[in-house]
Amino acid sequence: YYCIDAMRAVVSAGLRTDDEQGEWKKNAAQTAMEETICKLADSIGGCIRVKTTGLPVAYDDILNTTGAIFFIAACLAWAPGTGLYNPIIVLIVYIIVKLIIGVGSDMEDPFGFDESDLPLEKFCEEVD
């Protein structure tokens, strides 16, 4: 949070005034800037929490084991009703479930340089 402290110092130094006429305007501007900087600090704190709080390693293992058990049972349970279409139906449902799990794994760490990560550099350019 060093950058945020530096921003606060610059804003405070820039809004210091010696005249009495502009004092209320400077105080209003300083209050607004301080609120904006506090919101920025809260947002940065949230991003840091998302990055540092990952899912347990066993999460993927549990999902894969549960999925394997489910799809083995699904083959047996759906066989009488679906007949020869059973492998196709189970495959389609399996692909959908694996895609959802893959999206969840990608969302686990949204900060980085992968194709599926947030475009933070673009956001910074927009802000500038």
Foldseek 3Di string as FASTA:
>chain_A
DVVLVVVLVVLVVVLDDDDPPCVVVSVVVNVVVVVVSVVVVVVVVVLVCLQVDFDDPCPVVVVVVVLVVVLVVQLVVCCVVPPPCSVVVSVVVSVVVVVVVVVVVCSSHQDDPDPNHDPVVVVVVVVD
